[in-house]
């Protein structure tokens, strides 16, 4: 897997890259491609979240579960879609909450790159998926890798905001050392199936910025 990752992450995660399970991920993905499977996101975008948000720039971690599995959607940032792709329902609900919380106009596109460039690590628990098959790569070792990412951020930084939407994300709270002055924000998932049950009205965008400012950190401009 010829993927370049930001040098700050390469250093922070060097032990993970050298472990057998990571070699197994690489072998699995190569085999998928050799047998004609289509994988999303494209190879050069698998580590997009890391390249857009270097380790030393992380302020916020927003955790997703699985990349979008439709053609042209996934580009390596959780909840985000590439330019020209219609925002999926969960992202539409995220924009609705953002509008209610901070008055930010609802965008016409769903590319969250501007968030990533400001220090919001848009991390999916799995970094790849087979086209048309949700969760198809959830058991190949990515969870071990992304759990290590969460733990490394938690253990070596302070005053990070972790945003956990839905049961799956909230199960990752055990990886976060809250004695290091991190803020953990939890709410229902923004999916249409659960947004009315605790996502709408969570005010996580304003709460994030209040925490950052309180700790002398530049807030996020959530407009995209």
N, C-alpha and C. Protein backbone atom coordinates (compact mmCIF):
# COMPACT_ATOMS: atom_id res chain seq x y z
N UNK A 1 0.86 -1.18 0.00
CA UNK A 1 0.00 0.00 0.00
C UNK A 1 0.89 1.23 0.00
N UNK A 2 1.04 1.87 -1.15
CA UNK A 2 1.92 3.01 -1.28
C UNK A 2 1.19 4.28 -0.85
N UNK A 3 1.12 4.48 0.44
CA UNK A 3 0.43 5.64 0.98
C UNK A 3 1.40 6.44 1.84
N UNK A 4 1.45 7.74 1.58
CA UNK A 4 2.29 8.60 2.39
C UNK A 4 1.44 9.18 3.51
N UNK A 5 2.02 9.23 4.69
CA UNK A 5 1.32 9.80 5.83
C UNK A 5 2.19 10.90 6.43
N UNK A 6 1.56 11.92 6.92
CA UNK A 6 2.25 13.07 7.50
C UNK A 6 3.35 12.61 8.46
N UNK A 7 4.49 13.31 8.42
CA UNK A 7 5.66 12.88 9.19
C UNK A 7 5.42 12.88 10.70
N UNK A 8 4.56 13.80 11.19
CA UNK A 8 4.30 13.82 12.63
C UNK A 8 3.54 12.57 13.07
N UNK A 9 2.66 12.09 12.21
CA UNK A 9 1.95 10.84 12.51
C UNK A 9 2.87 9.63 12.34
N UNK A 10 3.73 9.69 11.33
CA UNK A 10 4.66 8.57 11.11
C UNK A 10 5.51 8.34 12.36
N UNK A 11 5.92 9.44 12.99
CA UNK A 11 6.71 9.35 14.22
C UNK A 11 5.84 8.89 15.39
N UNK A 12 4.65 9.48 15.54
CA UNK A 12 3.79 9.16 16.68
C UNK A 12 3.32 7.71 16.65
N UNK A 13 3.15 7.16 15.45
CA UNK A 13 2.56 5.82 15.30
C UNK A 13 3.56 4.79 14.78
N UNK A 14 4.84 5.10 14.88
CA UNK A 14 5.84 4.22 14.27
C UNK A 14 5.77 2.79 14.80
N UNK A 15 5.43 2.65 16.09
CA UNK A 15 5.33 1.29 16.64
C UNK A 15 4.20 0.51 15.98
N UNK A 16 3.07 1.21 15.70
CA UNK A 16 1.93 0.52 15.07
C UNK A 16 2.27 0.06 13.66
N UNK A 17 2.95 0.92 12.91
CA UNK A 17 3.28 0.57 11.53
C UNK A 17 4.20 -0.64 11.45
N UNK A 18 4.91 -0.92 12.52
CA UNK A 18 5.85 -2.04 12.52
C UNK A 18 5.27 -3.32 13.11
N UNK A 19 4.02 -3.29 13.53
CA UNK A 19 3.42 -4.47 14.13
C UNK A 19 2.84 -5.41 13.06
N UNK A 20 2.79 -6.72 13.35
CA UNK A 20 2.30 -7.69 12.37
C UNK A 20 0.89 -7.38 11.86
N UNK A 21 0.01 -6.90 12.73
CA UNK A 21 -1.36 -6.69 12.28
C UNK A 21 -1.43 -5.65 11.17
N UNK A 22 -0.53 -4.65 11.20
CA UNK A 22 -0.57 -3.61 10.16
C UNK A 22 -0.10 -4.18 8.83
N UNK A 23 0.88 -5.05 8.87
CA UNK A 23 1.32 -5.74 7.65
C UNK A 23 0.18 -6.58 7.08
N UNK A 24 -0.63 -7.16 7.97
CA UNK A 24 -1.77 -7.96 7.52
C UNK A 24 -2.84 -7.09 6.85
N UNK A 25 -3.04 -5.87 7.34
CA UNK A 25 -3.97 -4.95 6.69
C UNK A 25 -3.50 -4.67 5.26
N UNK A 26 -2.21 -4.36 5.13
CA UNK A 26 -1.65 -4.05 3.82
C UNK A 26 -1.82 -5.22 2.86
N UNK A 27 -1.52 -6.42 3.35
CA UNK A 27 -1.66 -7.62 2.51
C UNK A 27 -3.11 -7.84 2.11
N UNK A 28 -4.02 -7.65 3.04
CA UNK A 28 -5.45 -7.82 2.75
C UNK A 28 -5.90 -6.87 1.64
N UNK A 29 -5.51 -5.59 1.76
CA UNK A 29 -5.93 -4.61 0.76
C UNK A 29 -5.33 -4.90 -0.61
N UNK A 30 -4.09 -5.34 -0.63
CA UNK A 30 -3.47 -5.71 -1.91
C UNK A 30 -4.20 -6.89 -2.55
N UNK A 31 -4.58 -7.85 -1.73
CA UNK A 31 -5.30 -9.02 -2.24
C UNK A 31 -6.66 -8.62 -2.78
N UNK A 32 -7.36 -7.74 -2.07
CA UNK A 32 -8.65 -7.25 -2.54
C UNK A 32 -8.52 -6.64 -3.94
N UNK A 33 -7.52 -5.81 -4.10
CA UNK A 33 -7.34 -5.13 -5.38
C UNK A 33 -6.95 -6.12 -6.48
N UNK A 34 -6.09 -7.07 -6.14
CA UNK A 34 -5.65 -8.06 -7.13
C UNK A 34 -6.79 -8.94 -7.61
N UNK A 35 -7.80 -9.11 -6.76
CA UNK A 35 -8.94 -9.95 -7.12
C UNK A 35 -10.09 -9.13 -7.69
N UNK A 36 -9.80 -7.86 -8.01
CA UNK A 36 -10.79 -7.05 -8.72
C UNK A 36 -11.78 -6.30 -7.86
N UNK A 37 -11.56 -6.29 -6.55
CA UNK A 37 -12.48 -5.57 -5.67
C UNK A 37 -12.20 -4.06 -5.76
N UNK A 38 -13.26 -3.27 -5.67
CA UNK A 38 -13.12 -1.81 -5.60
C UNK A 38 -13.16 -1.39 -4.14
N UNK A 39 -12.17 -0.60 -3.75
CA UNK A 39 -12.04 -0.17 -2.36
C UNK A 39 -12.17 1.35 -2.28
N UNK A 40 -12.91 1.79 -1.29
CA UNK A 40 -13.03 3.22 -1.02
C UNK A 40 -12.45 3.54 0.36
N UNK A 41 -11.86 4.72 0.54
CA UNK A 41 -11.55 5.71 -0.49
C UNK A 41 -10.38 5.25 -1.35
N UNK A 42 -10.07 5.98 -2.43
CA UNK A 42 -8.91 5.63 -3.25
C UNK A 42 -7.64 5.59 -2.40
N UNK A 43 -6.68 4.80 -2.82
CA UNK A 43 -5.47 4.56 -2.03
C UNK A 43 -4.79 5.79 -1.49
N UNK A 44 -4.67 6.82 -2.34
CA UNK A 44 -3.94 8.02 -1.90
C UNK A 44 -4.72 8.83 -0.87
N UNK A 45 -6.00 8.47 -0.64
CA UNK A 45 -6.82 9.21 0.33
C UNK A 45 -7.11 8.43 1.61
N UNK A 46 -6.56 7.24 1.73
CA UNK A 46 -6.85 6.43 2.92
C UNK A 46 -6.43 7.15 4.20
N UNK A 47 -5.29 7.83 4.15
CA UNK A 47 -4.78 8.55 5.33
C UNK A 47 -5.01 10.06 5.22
N UNK A 48 -6.05 10.45 4.50
CA UNK A 48 -6.34 11.87 4.28
C UNK A 48 -6.54 12.63 5.60
N UNK A 49 -7.24 12.01 6.55
CA UNK A 49 -7.49 12.67 7.84
C UNK A 49 -6.18 13.02 8.53
N UNK A 50 -5.21 12.15 8.42
CA UNK A 50 -3.92 12.36 9.08
C UNK A 50 -3.08 13.41 8.35
N UNK A 51 -3.17 13.40 7.03
CA UNK A 51 -2.38 14.35 6.26
C UNK A 51 -2.92 15.77 6.35
N UNK A 52 -4.24 15.90 6.51
CA UNK A 52 -4.83 17.22 6.64
C UNK A 52 -4.76 17.76 8.07
N UNK A 53 -4.65 16.84 9.04
CA UNK A 53 -4.58 17.23 10.45
C UNK A 53 -3.36 16.58 11.08
N UNK A 54 -2.19 17.20 10.97
CA UNK A 54 -0.98 16.63 11.57
C UNK A 54 -1.15 16.39 13.07
N UNK A 55 -0.39 15.45 13.60
CA UNK A 55 -0.49 15.07 15.01
C UNK A 55 -0.34 16.27 15.94
N UNK A 56 0.58 17.15 15.61
CA UNK A 56 0.84 18.28 16.50
C UNK A 56 -0.19 19.40 16.36
N UNK A 57 -1.14 19.24 15.47
CA UNK A 57 -2.17 20.27 15.25
C UNK A 57 -3.55 19.83 15.76
N UNK A 58 -3.68 18.61 16.26
CA UNK A 58 -4.99 18.09 16.65
C UNK A 58 -5.55 18.87 17.85
N UNK A 59 -6.78 19.35 17.69
CA UNK A 59 -7.52 20.01 18.77
C UNK A 59 -8.77 19.22 19.14
N UNK A 60 -9.38 18.62 18.11
CA UNK A 60 -10.67 17.94 18.25
C UNK A 60 -10.58 16.60 17.53
N UNK A 61 -11.18 15.57 18.12
CA UNK A 61 -11.30 14.27 17.45
C UNK A 61 -12.79 13.97 17.28
N UNK A 62 -13.22 13.85 16.03
CA UNK A 62 -14.60 13.48 15.72
C UNK A 62 -14.56 12.09 15.13
N UNK A 63 -15.23 11.14 15.78
CA UNK A 63 -15.10 9.74 15.42
C UNK A 63 -16.29 9.24 14.61
N UNK A 64 -16.00 8.67 13.46
CA UNK A 64 -17.00 7.97 12.65
C UNK A 64 -16.72 6.48 12.67
N UNK A 65 -17.55 5.73 11.98
CA UNK A 65 -17.43 4.27 12.04
C UNK A 65 -16.81 3.65 10.80
N UNK A 66 -17.31 4.02 9.64
CA UNK A 66 -16.99 3.31 8.41
C UNK A 66 -17.03 4.30 7.25
N UNK A 67 -16.12 4.22 6.29
CA UNK A 67 -16.21 5.13 5.14
C UNK A 67 -17.50 4.90 4.35
N UNK A 68 -17.94 5.94 3.68
CA UNK A 68 -19.08 5.77 2.75
C UNK A 68 -18.70 4.74 1.69
N UNK A 69 -19.65 3.92 1.31
CA UNK A 69 -19.34 2.82 0.39
C UNK A 69 -19.89 3.03 -1.01
N UNK A 70 -20.41 4.25 -1.27
CA UNK A 70 -20.91 4.58 -2.61
C UNK A 70 -19.83 5.21 -3.47
N UNK A 71 -20.00 5.11 -4.75
CA UNK A 71 -19.02 5.61 -5.71
C UNK A 71 -18.76 7.12 -5.50
N UNK A 72 -17.50 7.49 -5.35
CA UNK A 72 -17.10 8.87 -5.30
C UNK A 72 -17.38 9.59 -3.99
N UNK A 73 -17.94 8.91 -3.00
CA UNK A 73 -18.30 9.59 -1.75
C UNK A 73 -17.11 9.76 -0.81
N UNK A 74 -16.51 8.65 -0.41
CA UNK A 74 -15.47 8.68 0.62
C UNK A 74 -14.19 9.33 0.12
N UNK A 75 -13.61 10.17 0.96
CA UNK A 75 -12.28 10.72 0.63
C UNK A 75 -11.39 10.82 1.86
N UNK A 76 -11.64 9.92 2.82
CA UNK A 76 -10.73 9.76 3.94
C UNK A 76 -11.05 10.58 5.17
N UNK A 77 -12.18 11.30 5.18
CA UNK A 77 -12.60 12.09 6.34
C UNK A 77 -13.98 11.62 6.77
N UNK A 78 -14.16 11.30 8.05
CA UNK A 78 -15.45 10.80 8.49
C UNK A 78 -16.55 11.84 8.27
N UNK A 79 -17.72 11.36 7.90
CA UNK A 79 -18.92 12.15 7.63
C UNK A 79 -18.81 13.04 6.39
N UNK A 80 -17.62 13.28 5.89
CA UNK A 80 -17.39 14.19 4.77
C UNK A 80 -17.53 13.47 3.43
N UNK A 81 -17.95 14.23 2.41
CA UNK A 81 -17.96 13.69 1.05
C UNK A 81 -17.17 14.63 0.13
N UNK A 82 -16.68 14.05 -0.95
CA UNK A 82 -15.89 14.83 -1.90
C UNK A 82 -16.75 15.89 -2.58
N UNK A 83 -16.09 16.88 -3.13
CA UNK A 83 -16.79 17.93 -3.87
C UNK A 83 -17.66 17.33 -4.97
N UNK A 84 -18.84 17.90 -5.15
CA UNK A 84 -19.73 17.44 -6.20
C UNK A 84 -20.63 16.29 -5.81
N UNK A 85 -20.48 15.79 -4.58
CA UNK A 85 -21.29 14.67 -4.10
C UNK A 85 -22.34 15.20 -3.12
N UNK A 86 -23.57 14.78 -3.31
CA UNK A 86 -24.66 15.23 -2.44
C UNK A 86 -24.42 14.79 -1.00
N UNK A 87 -24.54 15.72 -0.02
CA UNK A 87 -24.35 15.34 1.38
C UNK A 87 -25.33 14.26 1.81
N UNK A 88 -24.85 13.17 2.40
CA UNK A 88 -25.72 12.10 2.91
C UNK A 88 -26.58 12.59 4.09
N UNK A 89 -27.62 11.84 4.44
CA UNK A 89 -28.56 12.28 5.48
C UNK A 89 -27.92 12.63 6.83
N UNK A 90 -26.95 11.85 7.28
CA UNK A 90 -26.31 12.15 8.57
C UNK A 90 -25.60 13.50 8.52
N UNK A 91 -24.94 13.77 7.41
CA UNK A 91 -24.23 15.04 7.27
C UNK A 91 -25.20 16.21 7.17
N UNK A 92 -26.32 15.98 6.51
CA UNK A 92 -27.37 17.01 6.46
C UNK A 92 -27.82 17.37 7.87
N UNK A 93 -27.99 16.34 8.71
CA UNK A 93 -28.41 16.59 10.10
C UNK A 93 -27.32 17.30 10.91
N UNK A 94 -26.06 16.98 10.63
CA UNK A 94 -24.96 17.68 11.28
C UNK A 94 -25.02 19.17 10.94
N UNK A 95 -25.27 19.47 9.68
CA UNK A 95 -25.37 20.87 9.26
C UNK A 95 -26.58 21.56 9.89
N UNK A 96 -27.68 20.83 10.07
CA UNK A 96 -28.86 21.41 10.73
C UNK A 96 -28.54 21.79 12.16
N UNK A 97 -27.86 20.90 12.88
CA UNK A 97 -27.48 21.19 14.26
C UNK A 97 -26.50 22.35 14.33
N UNK A 98 -25.57 22.39 13.41
CA UNK A 98 -24.60 23.48 13.36
C UNK A 98 -25.31 24.82 13.15
N UNK A 99 -26.30 24.81 12.29
CA UNK A 99 -27.07 26.03 12.03
C UNK A 99 -27.85 26.47 13.26
N UNK A 100 -28.47 25.51 13.94
CA UNK A 100 -29.24 25.83 15.15
C UNK A 100 -28.33 26.29 16.28
N UNK A 101 -27.18 25.65 16.40
CA UNK A 101 -26.25 25.92 17.50
C UNK A 101 -25.54 27.26 17.32
N UNK A 102 -24.97 27.50 16.15
CA UNK A 102 -24.11 28.66 15.94
C UNK A 102 -24.60 29.61 14.85
N UNK A 103 -25.72 29.27 14.21
CA UNK A 103 -26.22 30.13 13.15
C UNK A 103 -25.44 30.04 11.85
N UNK A 104 -24.60 29.02 11.73
CA UNK A 104 -23.81 28.84 10.50
C UNK A 104 -24.74 28.43 9.36
N UNK A 105 -24.71 29.12 8.23
CA UNK A 105 -25.58 28.75 7.11
C UNK A 105 -25.32 27.31 6.67
N UNK A 106 -26.38 26.61 6.30
CA UNK A 106 -26.24 25.23 5.83
C UNK A 106 -25.50 25.24 4.50
N UNK A 107 -24.36 24.55 4.40
CA UNK A 107 -23.57 24.57 3.17
C UNK A 107 -24.27 23.83 2.03
N UNK A 108 -23.83 24.14 0.83
CA UNK A 108 -24.37 23.46 -0.34
C UNK A 108 -23.55 22.24 -0.72
N UNK A 109 -22.43 22.06 -0.06
CA UNK A 109 -21.59 20.88 -0.33
C UNK A 109 -21.27 20.20 1.00
N UNK A 110 -20.62 19.03 0.92
CA UNK A 110 -20.36 18.27 2.14
C UNK A 110 -18.90 17.97 2.40
N UNK A 111 -18.01 18.78 1.83
CA UNK A 111 -16.58 18.56 2.00
C UNK A 111 -16.10 19.27 3.26
N UNK A 112 -15.67 18.50 4.25
CA UNK A 112 -15.29 19.04 5.56
C UNK A 112 -13.79 19.30 5.69
N UNK A 113 -13.10 19.42 4.57
CA UNK A 113 -11.65 19.63 4.60
C UNK A 113 -11.27 20.83 5.45
N UNK A 114 -12.06 21.90 5.43
CA UNK A 114 -11.72 23.10 6.20
C UNK A 114 -11.71 22.82 7.70
N UNK A 115 -12.56 21.92 8.14
CA UNK A 115 -12.52 21.53 9.56
C UNK A 115 -11.19 20.83 9.85
N UNK A 116 -10.84 19.88 8.98
CA UNK A 116 -9.62 19.09 9.18
C UNK A 116 -8.39 19.98 9.21
N UNK A 117 -8.37 21.00 8.36
CA UNK A 117 -7.20 21.88 8.28
C UNK A 117 -7.05 22.76 9.52
N UNK A 118 -8.12 22.86 10.32
CA UNK A 118 -8.06 23.65 11.55
C UNK A 118 -7.78 22.82 12.80
N UNK A 119 -7.60 21.51 12.62
CA UNK A 119 -7.27 20.68 13.77
C UNK A 119 -8.36 19.72 14.21
N UNK A 120 -9.39 19.52 13.37
CA UNK A 120 -10.43 18.54 13.68
C UNK A 120 -10.07 17.24 12.97
N UNK A 121 -9.63 16.25 13.75
CA UNK A 121 -9.27 14.94 13.17
C UNK A 121 -10.57 14.18 12.89
N UNK A 122 -10.89 14.02 11.62
CA UNK A 122 -12.13 13.37 11.19
C UNK A 122 -11.83 11.90 10.95
N UNK A 123 -11.86 11.13 12.02
CA UNK A 123 -11.33 9.77 12.04
C UNK A 123 -12.43 8.71 11.97
N UNK A 124 -12.39 7.88 10.94
CA UNK A 124 -13.23 6.70 10.90
C UNK A 124 -12.52 5.55 11.61
N UNK A 125 -13.29 4.70 12.30
CA UNK A 125 -12.70 3.55 12.99
C UNK A 125 -12.10 2.56 11.99
N UNK A 126 -12.74 2.42 10.82
CA UNK A 126 -12.16 1.67 9.70
C UNK A 126 -11.77 2.68 8.64
N UNK A 127 -10.61 2.50 8.04
CA UNK A 127 -10.15 3.48 7.06
C UNK A 127 -10.47 3.09 5.62
N UNK A 128 -10.97 1.88 5.42
CA UNK A 128 -11.35 1.45 4.06
C UNK A 128 -12.63 0.64 4.12
N UNK A 129 -13.24 0.47 2.94
CA UNK A 129 -14.45 -0.33 2.81
C UNK A 129 -14.53 -0.84 1.37
N UNK A 130 -15.14 -2.00 1.18
CA UNK A 130 -15.37 -2.53 -0.16
C UNK A 130 -16.61 -1.85 -0.75
N UNK A 131 -16.55 -1.50 -2.00
CA UNK A 131 -17.66 -0.80 -2.66
C UNK A 131 -18.97 -1.54 -2.45
N UNK A 132 -19.98 -0.81 -1.98
CA UNK A 132 -21.32 -1.36 -1.82
C UNK A 132 -21.50 -2.31 -0.67
N UNK A 133 -20.48 -2.46 0.17
CA UNK A 133 -20.55 -3.41 1.28
C UNK A 133 -20.14 -2.75 2.59
N UNK A 134 -21.08 -2.09 3.28
CA UNK A 134 -20.74 -1.41 4.53
C UNK A 134 -20.15 -2.37 5.55
N UNK A 135 -19.17 -1.88 6.29
CA UNK A 135 -18.49 -2.62 7.36
C UNK A 135 -17.67 -3.81 6.86
N UNK A 136 -17.45 -3.87 5.56
CA UNK A 136 -16.75 -5.04 4.99
C UNK A 136 -15.28 -5.11 5.40
N UNK A 137 -14.68 -4.02 5.84
CA UNK A 137 -13.29 -4.04 6.29
C UNK A 137 -13.16 -3.77 7.79
N UNK A 138 -14.26 -3.93 8.51
CA UNK A 138 -14.25 -3.59 9.94
C UNK A 138 -13.48 -4.61 10.79
N UNK A 139 -13.20 -5.78 10.22
CA UNK A 139 -12.55 -6.84 11.00
C UNK A 139 -11.12 -7.13 10.52
N UNK A 140 -10.55 -6.26 9.70
CA UNK A 140 -9.25 -6.58 9.12
C UNK A 140 -8.07 -5.99 9.90
N UNK A 141 -8.37 -5.30 11.01
CA UNK A 141 -7.30 -4.75 11.84
C UNK A 141 -7.33 -3.24 11.98
N UNK A 142 -8.20 -2.59 11.23
CA UNK A 142 -8.24 -1.13 11.33
C UNK A 142 -8.61 -0.65 12.73
N UNK A 143 -9.50 -1.36 13.41
CA UNK A 143 -9.91 -0.93 14.75
C UNK A 143 -8.72 -0.92 15.70
N UNK A 144 -7.83 -1.87 15.56
CA UNK A 144 -6.63 -1.90 16.40
C UNK A 144 -5.80 -0.65 16.14
N UNK A 145 -5.68 -0.29 14.88
CA UNK A 145 -4.89 0.88 14.51
C UNK A 145 -5.54 2.18 15.00
N UNK A 146 -6.82 2.35 14.72
CA UNK A 146 -7.47 3.62 15.10
C UNK A 146 -7.67 3.73 16.61
N UNK A 147 -7.83 2.60 17.30
CA UNK A 147 -7.84 2.65 18.77
C UNK A 147 -6.49 3.18 19.30
N UNK A 148 -5.42 2.73 18.65
CA UNK A 148 -4.09 3.20 19.05
C UNK A 148 -3.93 4.69 18.78
N UNK A 149 -4.56 5.17 17.70
CA UNK A 149 -4.53 6.60 17.39
C UNK A 149 -5.21 7.40 18.50
N UNK A 150 -6.41 6.96 18.88
CA UNK A 150 -7.17 7.65 19.93
C UNK A 150 -6.37 7.65 21.23
N UNK A 151 -5.80 6.51 21.57
CA UNK A 151 -5.06 6.39 22.84
C UNK A 151 -3.79 7.25 22.82
N UNK A 152 -3.11 7.29 21.69
CA UNK A 152 -1.90 8.10 21.58
C UNK A 152 -2.23 9.58 21.78
N UNK A 153 -3.31 10.04 21.16
CA UNK A 153 -3.72 11.44 21.33
C UNK A 153 -4.07 11.71 22.79
N UNK A 154 -4.86 10.81 23.36
CA UNK A 154 -5.29 10.97 24.75
C UNK A 154 -4.12 10.98 25.73
N UNK A 155 -3.18 10.06 25.53
CA UNK A 155 -2.11 9.86 26.50
C UNK A 155 -0.99 10.91 26.40
N UNK A 156 -0.85 11.55 25.25
CA UNK A 156 0.29 12.44 25.06
C UNK A 156 -0.10 13.91 24.93
N UNK A 157 -1.39 14.20 24.86
CA UNK A 157 -1.85 15.58 24.73
C UNK A 157 -2.77 15.94 25.90
N UNK A 158 -3.08 17.21 26.02
CA UNK A 158 -4.06 17.68 26.99
C UNK A 158 -5.06 18.60 26.29
N UNK A 159 -6.23 18.77 26.91
CA UNK A 159 -7.24 19.71 26.42
C UNK A 159 -7.72 19.40 24.99
N UNK A 160 -7.88 18.12 24.70
CA UNK A 160 -8.44 17.71 23.41
C UNK A 160 -9.95 17.47 23.59
N UNK A 161 -10.72 17.88 22.60
CA UNK A 161 -12.16 17.60 22.61
C UNK A 161 -12.41 16.32 21.81
N UNK A 162 -13.03 15.34 22.44
CA UNK A 162 -13.43 14.10 21.77
C UNK A 162 -14.95 14.12 21.59
N UNK A 163 -15.40 14.09 20.35
CA UNK A 163 -16.83 14.13 20.04
C UNK A 163 -17.28 12.73 19.65
N UNK A 164 -18.16 12.15 20.46
CA UNK A 164 -18.59 10.76 20.28
C UNK A 164 -20.09 10.73 20.03
N UNK A 165 -20.47 10.48 18.78
CA UNK A 165 -21.88 10.44 18.40
C UNK A 165 -22.31 9.00 18.17
N UNK A 166 -23.27 8.53 18.95
CA UNK A 166 -23.78 7.18 18.78
C UNK A 166 -23.06 6.17 19.65
N UNK A 167 -23.69 5.02 19.81
CA UNK A 167 -23.19 3.98 20.71
C UNK A 167 -21.79 3.50 20.32
N UNK A 168 -21.58 3.28 19.04
CA UNK A 168 -20.27 2.77 18.60
C UNK A 168 -19.15 3.71 19.03
N UNK A 169 -19.31 5.00 18.75
CA UNK A 169 -18.28 5.96 19.11
C UNK A 169 -18.11 6.06 20.62
N UNK A 170 -19.22 6.01 21.33
CA UNK A 170 -19.16 6.17 22.79
C UNK A 170 -18.43 5.02 23.47
N UNK A 171 -18.39 3.86 22.83
CA UNK A 171 -17.64 2.74 23.39
C UNK A 171 -16.14 3.01 23.40
N UNK A 172 -15.70 4.00 22.62
CA UNK A 172 -14.27 4.36 22.58
C UNK A 172 -13.87 5.23 23.77
N UNK A 173 -14.83 5.64 24.57
CA UNK A 173 -14.50 6.51 25.71
C UNK A 173 -13.50 5.85 26.64
N UNK A 174 -13.51 4.54 26.72
CA UNK A 174 -12.59 3.84 27.62
C UNK A 174 -11.12 4.05 27.22
N UNK A 175 -10.88 4.49 26.00
CA UNK A 175 -9.51 4.74 25.53
C UNK A 175 -9.00 6.12 25.93
N UNK A 176 -9.90 6.96 26.44
CA UNK A 176 -9.58 8.36 26.71
C UNK A 176 -9.28 8.56 28.19
N UNK A 177 -8.12 9.13 28.47
CA UNK A 177 -7.71 9.41 29.85
C UNK A 177 -8.21 10.81 30.23
N UNK A 178 -9.35 10.86 30.88
CA UNK A 178 -9.97 12.15 31.17
C UNK A 178 -9.25 12.92 32.28
N UNK A 179 -8.27 12.28 32.94
CA UNK A 179 -7.48 13.02 33.93
C UNK A 179 -6.53 14.01 33.25
N UNK A 180 -6.40 13.90 31.93
CA UNK A 180 -5.51 14.79 31.19
C UNK A 180 -6.27 16.00 30.65
N UNK A 181 -7.38 16.31 31.31
CA UNK A 181 -8.13 17.55 31.02
C UNK A 181 -8.75 17.56 29.62
N UNK A 182 -9.10 16.39 29.12
CA UNK A 182 -9.82 16.33 27.85
C UNK A 182 -11.31 16.57 28.10
N UNK A 183 -12.00 17.00 27.05
CA UNK A 183 -13.45 17.14 27.11
C UNK A 183 -14.07 16.07 26.23
N UNK A 184 -14.94 15.25 26.80
CA UNK A 184 -15.66 14.21 26.05
C UNK A 184 -17.11 14.64 25.89
N UNK A 185 -17.52 14.80 24.65
CA UNK A 185 -18.91 15.18 24.34
C UNK A 185 -19.61 13.99 23.71
N UNK A 186 -20.76 13.61 24.27
CA UNK A 186 -21.50 12.44 23.77
C UNK A 186 -22.93 12.84 23.40
N UNK A 187 -23.42 12.26 22.32
CA UNK A 187 -24.81 12.48 21.89
C UNK A 187 -25.22 11.32 21.01
N UNK A 188 -26.50 11.28 20.67
CA UNK A 188 -26.99 10.29 19.72
C UNK A 188 -26.32 10.51 18.36
N UNK A 189 -26.36 9.49 17.53
CA UNK A 189 -25.79 9.59 16.18
C UNK A 189 -26.66 10.52 15.33
N UNK A 190 -26.06 11.29 14.41
CA UNK A 190 -26.85 12.18 13.56
C UNK A 190 -27.66 11.50 12.47
N UNK A 191 -27.63 10.20 12.41
CA UNK A 191 -28.46 9.47 11.44
C UNK A 191 -29.92 9.85 11.60
N UNK A 192 -30.69 9.86 10.49
CA UNK A 192 -32.13 10.14 10.59
C UNK A 192 -32.86 9.20 11.54
N UNK A 193 -32.29 8.02 11.81
CA UNK A 193 -32.93 7.06 12.70
C UNK A 193 -32.78 7.45 14.18
N UNK A 194 -31.82 8.32 14.48
CA UNK A 194 -31.55 8.61 15.90
C UNK A 194 -31.37 10.09 16.23
N UNK A 195 -31.31 10.94 15.22
CA UNK A 195 -31.00 12.36 15.47
C UNK A 195 -31.99 13.03 16.41
N UNK A 196 -33.26 12.63 16.31
CA UNK A 196 -34.28 13.24 17.18
C UNK A 196 -34.19 12.74 18.62
N UNK A 197 -33.39 11.71 18.84
CA UNK A 197 -33.30 11.10 20.17
C UNK A 197 -32.09 11.59 20.95
N UNK A 198 -31.62 12.81 20.66
CA UNK A 198 -30.54 13.34 21.46
C UNK A 198 -29.39 13.96 20.70
N UNK A 199 -29.44 13.90 19.36
CA UNK A 199 -28.39 14.61 18.61
C UNK A 199 -28.77 16.08 18.43
N UNK A 200 -29.98 16.30 17.92
CA UNK A 200 -30.42 17.68 17.77
C UNK A 200 -30.50 18.36 19.14
N UNK A 201 -29.88 19.51 19.24
CA UNK A 201 -29.86 20.24 20.51
C UNK A 201 -28.65 19.94 21.37
N UNK A 202 -27.72 19.11 20.89
CA UNK A 202 -26.55 18.76 21.72
C UNK A 202 -25.57 19.93 21.86
N UNK A 203 -25.59 20.84 20.90
CA UNK A 203 -24.73 22.04 20.94
C UNK A 203 -23.24 21.71 21.06
N UNK A 204 -22.82 20.65 20.41
CA UNK A 204 -21.42 20.24 20.53
C UNK A 204 -20.46 21.21 19.85
N UNK A 205 -20.93 21.94 18.85
CA UNK A 205 -20.04 22.86 18.16
C UNK A 205 -19.69 24.06 19.05
N UNK A 206 -20.70 24.62 19.70
CA UNK A 206 -20.44 25.75 20.60
C UNK A 206 -19.70 25.28 21.86
N UNK A 207 -20.04 24.11 22.37
CA UNK A 207 -19.36 23.59 23.55
C UNK A 207 -17.88 23.33 23.27
N UNK A 208 -17.58 22.85 22.07
CA UNK A 208 -16.19 22.64 21.68
C UNK A 208 -15.42 23.95 21.70
N UNK A 209 -15.99 24.96 21.08
CA UNK A 209 -15.28 26.24 21.02
C UNK A 209 -15.15 26.91 22.38
N UNK A 210 -16.16 26.78 23.22
CA UNK A 210 -16.07 27.35 24.56
C UNK A 210 -14.92 26.71 25.34
N UNK A 211 -14.78 25.40 25.21
CA UNK A 211 -13.70 24.68 25.90
C UNK A 211 -12.34 25.10 25.36
N UNK A 212 -12.22 25.19 24.03
CA UNK A 212 -10.93 25.57 23.44
C UNK A 212 -10.52 26.97 23.88
N UNK A 213 -11.45 27.91 23.79
CA UNK A 213 -11.14 29.30 24.18
C UNK A 213 -10.75 29.38 25.65
N UNK A 214 -11.49 28.65 26.48
CA UNK A 214 -11.21 28.63 27.92
C UNK A 214 -9.79 28.16 28.21
N UNK A 215 -9.26 27.30 27.34
CA UNK A 215 -7.92 26.75 27.54
C UNK A 215 -6.87 27.43 26.65
N UNK A 216 -7.23 28.61 26.12
CA UNK A 216 -6.25 29.39 25.37
C UNK A 216 -5.95 28.85 23.99
N UNK A 217 -6.88 28.09 23.43
CA UNK A 217 -6.69 27.48 22.11
C UNK A 217 -7.65 28.16 21.13
N UNK A 218 -7.16 28.44 19.92
CA UNK A 218 -8.02 29.07 18.92
C UNK A 218 -9.23 28.19 18.63
N UNK A 219 -10.44 28.78 18.60
CA UNK A 219 -11.64 27.99 18.31
C UNK A 219 -11.70 27.57 16.85
N UNK A 220 -12.61 26.67 16.55
CA UNK A 220 -12.81 26.20 15.18
C UNK A 220 -13.81 27.11 14.48
N UNK A 221 -13.48 27.53 13.26
CA UNK A 221 -14.46 28.21 12.40
C UNK A 221 -15.20 27.12 11.65
N UNK A 222 -16.41 26.83 12.06
CA UNK A 222 -17.15 25.68 11.53
C UNK A 222 -17.74 25.92 10.15
N UNK A 223 -17.60 27.13 9.61
CA UNK A 223 -18.13 27.39 8.27
C UNK A 223 -17.25 26.66 7.24
N UNK A 224 -17.90 26.07 6.25
CA UNK A 224 -17.11 25.42 5.19
C UNK A 224 -17.44 26.03 3.84
